[in-house]
Amino acid sequence: MNDSYLDELKSDFENYSEQLKKLKKKLLKTNSAELQSKIIKQIDSIASKMENNQKQSVKVTKSRLKEMKKKTKNDSIF
């Protein structure tokens, strides 16, 4: 299914994944408890954004499929 909004959500998700990879490396390299705490908070924030992104993606996909079903049903009537 080609959908610009879904493509945007996918792109955002990929960006979040890249950010997480970088933060993970940063977390493993640092010895400062204060810096580790900040990094963990950033990771939690990004994980929350990813979760919301996935929820939105599911909602949009279901909605698009429902629209397609209606259109197909209406097209078959005529």
C-alpha atoms as a PDB file:
ATOM      1  CA  MET A   1       0.000   0.000   0.000  1.00  0.00           C
ATOM      2  CA  ASN A   2       1.530   3.319  -1.072  1.00  0.00           C
ATOM      3  CA  ASP A   3       0.668   6.028   1.392  1.00  0.00           C
ATOM      4  CA  SER A   4       2.750   9.140   2.018  1.00  0.00           C
ATOM      5  CA  TYR A   5       1.713   9.381   5.674  1.00  0.00           C
ATOM      6  CA  LEU A   6       2.616   5.750   6.343  1.00  0.00           C
ATOM      7  CA  ASP A   7       5.915   6.300   4.543  1.00  0.00           C
ATOM      8  CA  GLU A   8       6.570   9.281   6.800  1.00  0.00           C
ATOM      9  CA  LEU A   9       5.806   7.204   9.901  1.00  0.00           C
ATOM     10  CA  LYS A  10       8.164   4.494   8.663  1.00  0.00           C
ATOM     11  CA  SER A  11      10.906   7.041   8.052  1.00  0.00           C
ATOM     12  CA  ASP A  12      10.417   8.496  11.539  1.00  0.00           C
ATOM     13  CA  PHE A  13      10.633   5.010  13.022  1.00  0.00           C
ATOM     14  CA  GLU A  14      13.886   4.325  11.182  1.00  0.00           C
ATOM     15  CA  ASN A  15      15.304   7.622  12.456  1.00  0.00           C
ATOM     16  CA  TYR A  16      14.348   6.689  16.015  1.00  0.00           C
ATOM     17  CA  SER A  17      16.098   3.341  15.553  1.00  0.00           C
ATOM     18  CA  GLU A  18      19.281   5.076  14.406  1.00  0.00           C
ATOM     19  CA  GLN A  19      19.136   7.436  17.379  1.00  0.00           C
ATOM     20  CA  LEU A  20      18.756   4.468  19.719  1.00  0.00           C
ATOM     21  CA  LYS A  21      21.802   2.754  18.227  1.00  0.00           C
ATOM     22  CA  LYS A  22      23.900   5.883  18.745  1.00  0.00           C
ATOM     23  CA  LEU A  23      22.664   6.348  22.308  1.00  0.00           C
ATOM     24  CA  LYS A  24      23.365   2.694  23.113  1.00  0.00           C
ATOM     25  CA  LYS A  25      26.979   3.085  21.963  1.00  0.00           C
ATOM     26  CA  LYS A  26      27.274   6.318  23.928  1.00  0.00           C
ATOM     27  CA  LEU A  27      25.827   4.631  27.019  1.00  0.00           C
ATOM     28  CA  LEU A  28      28.270   1.736  26.812  1.00  0.00           C
ATOM     29  CA  LYS A  29      31.250   4.077  26.451  1.00  0.00           C
ATOM     30  CA  THR A  30      30.518   6.411  29.353  1.00  0.00           C
ATOM     31  CA  ASN A  31      31.429   5.816  32.977  1.00  0.00           C
ATOM     32  CA  SER A  32      29.647   8.851  34.374  1.00  0.00           C
ATOM     33  CA  ALA A  33      26.518   7.873  36.305  1.00  0.00           C
ATOM     34  CA  GLU A  34      25.014  11.301  35.649  1.00  0.00           C
ATOM     35  CA  LEU A  35      25.565  11.035  31.897  1.00  0.00           C
ATOM     36  CA  GLN A  36      24.259   7.449  31.895  1.00  0.00           C
ATOM     37  CA  SER A  37      21.095   8.656  33.606  1.00  0.00           C
ATOM     38  CA  LYS A  38      20.574  11.361  30.965  1.00  0.00           C
ATOM     39  CA  ILE A  39      21.150   8.870  28.150  1.00  0.00           C
ATOM     40  CA  ILE A  40      18.684   6.400  29.678  1.00  0.00           C
ATOM     41  CA  LYS A  41      16.058   9.154  29.882  1.00  0.00           C
ATOM     42  CA  GLN A  42      16.667   9.951  26.200  1.00  0.00           C
ATOM     43  CA  ILE A  43      16.345   6.252  25.326  1.00  0.00           C
ATOM     44  CA  ASP A  44      13.069   6.038  27.251  1.00  0.00           C
ATOM     45  CA  SER A  45      11.759   9.107  25.449  1.00  0.00           C
ATOM     46  CA  ILE A  46      12.650   7.716  22.029  1.00  0.00           C
ATOM     47  CA  ALA A  47      11.167   4.323  22.912  1.00  0.00           C
ATOM     48  CA  SER A  48       7.918   6.063  23.850  1.00  0.00           C
ATOM     49  CA  LYS A  49       7.917   7.952  20.537  1.00  0.00           C
ATOM     50  CA  MET A  50       8.498   4.686  18.691  1.00  0.00           C
ATOM     51  CA  GLU A  51       5.605   3.054  20.508  1.00  0.00           C
ATOM     52  CA  ASN A  52       3.291   5.942  19.632  1.00  0.00           C
ATOM     53  CA  ASN A  53       4.526   5.823  16.049  1.00  0.00           C
ATOM     54  CA  GLN A  54       3.647   2.128  15.809  1.00  0.00           C
ATOM     55  CA  LYS A  55       0.205   2.679  17.317  1.00  0.00           C
ATOM     56  CA  GLN A  56      -0.485   5.465  14.832  1.00  0.00           C
ATOM     57  CA  SER A  57       0.773   3.318  11.973  1.00  0.00           C
ATOM     58  CA  VAL A  58      -1.603   0.509  12.941  1.00  0.00           C
ATOM     59  CA  LYS A  59      -4.552   2.918  13.180  1.00  0.00           C
ATOM     60  CA  VAL A  60      -3.803   4.466   9.805  1.00  0.00           C
ATOM     61  CA  THR A  61      -3.290   1.081   8.150  1.00  0.00           C
ATOM     62  CA  LYS A  62      -6.608  -0.225   9.496  1.00  0.00           C
ATOM     63  CA  SER A  63      -8.344   2.945   8.344  1.00  0.00           C
ATOM     64  CA  ARG A  64      -6.829   2.724   4.858  1.00  0.00           C
ATOM     65  CA  LEU A  65      -7.808  -0.930   4.545  1.00  0.00           C
ATOM     66  CA  LYS A  66     -11.344  -0.117   5.618  1.00  0.00           C
ATOM     67  CA  GLU A  67     -11.482   2.650   2.983  1.00  0.00           C
ATOM     68  CA  MET A  68     -10.220   0.243   0.336  1.00  0.00           C
ATOM     69  CA  LYS A  69     -12.829  -2.347   1.321  1.00  0.00           C
ATOM     70  CA  LYS A  70     -15.620   0.219   1.091  1.00  0.00           C
ATOM     71  CA  LYS A  71     -14.372   1.406  -2.280  1.00  0.00           C
ATOM     72  CA  THR A  72     -14.118  -2.141  -3.610  1.00  0.00           C
ATOM     73  CA  LYS A  73     -17.584  -2.938  -2.276  1.00  0.00           C
ATOM     74  CA  ASN A  74     -19.061   0.197  -3.854  1.00  0.00           C
ATOM     75  CA  ASP A  75     -17.269  -0.454  -7.155  1.00  0.00           C
ATOM     76  CA  SER A  76     -18.619  -3.982  -7.333  1.00  0.00           C
ATOM     77  CA  ILE A  77     -22.181  -2.743  -6.870  1.00  0.00           C
ATOM     78  CA  PHE A  78     -22.005  -0.663 -10.039  1.00  0.00           C
END
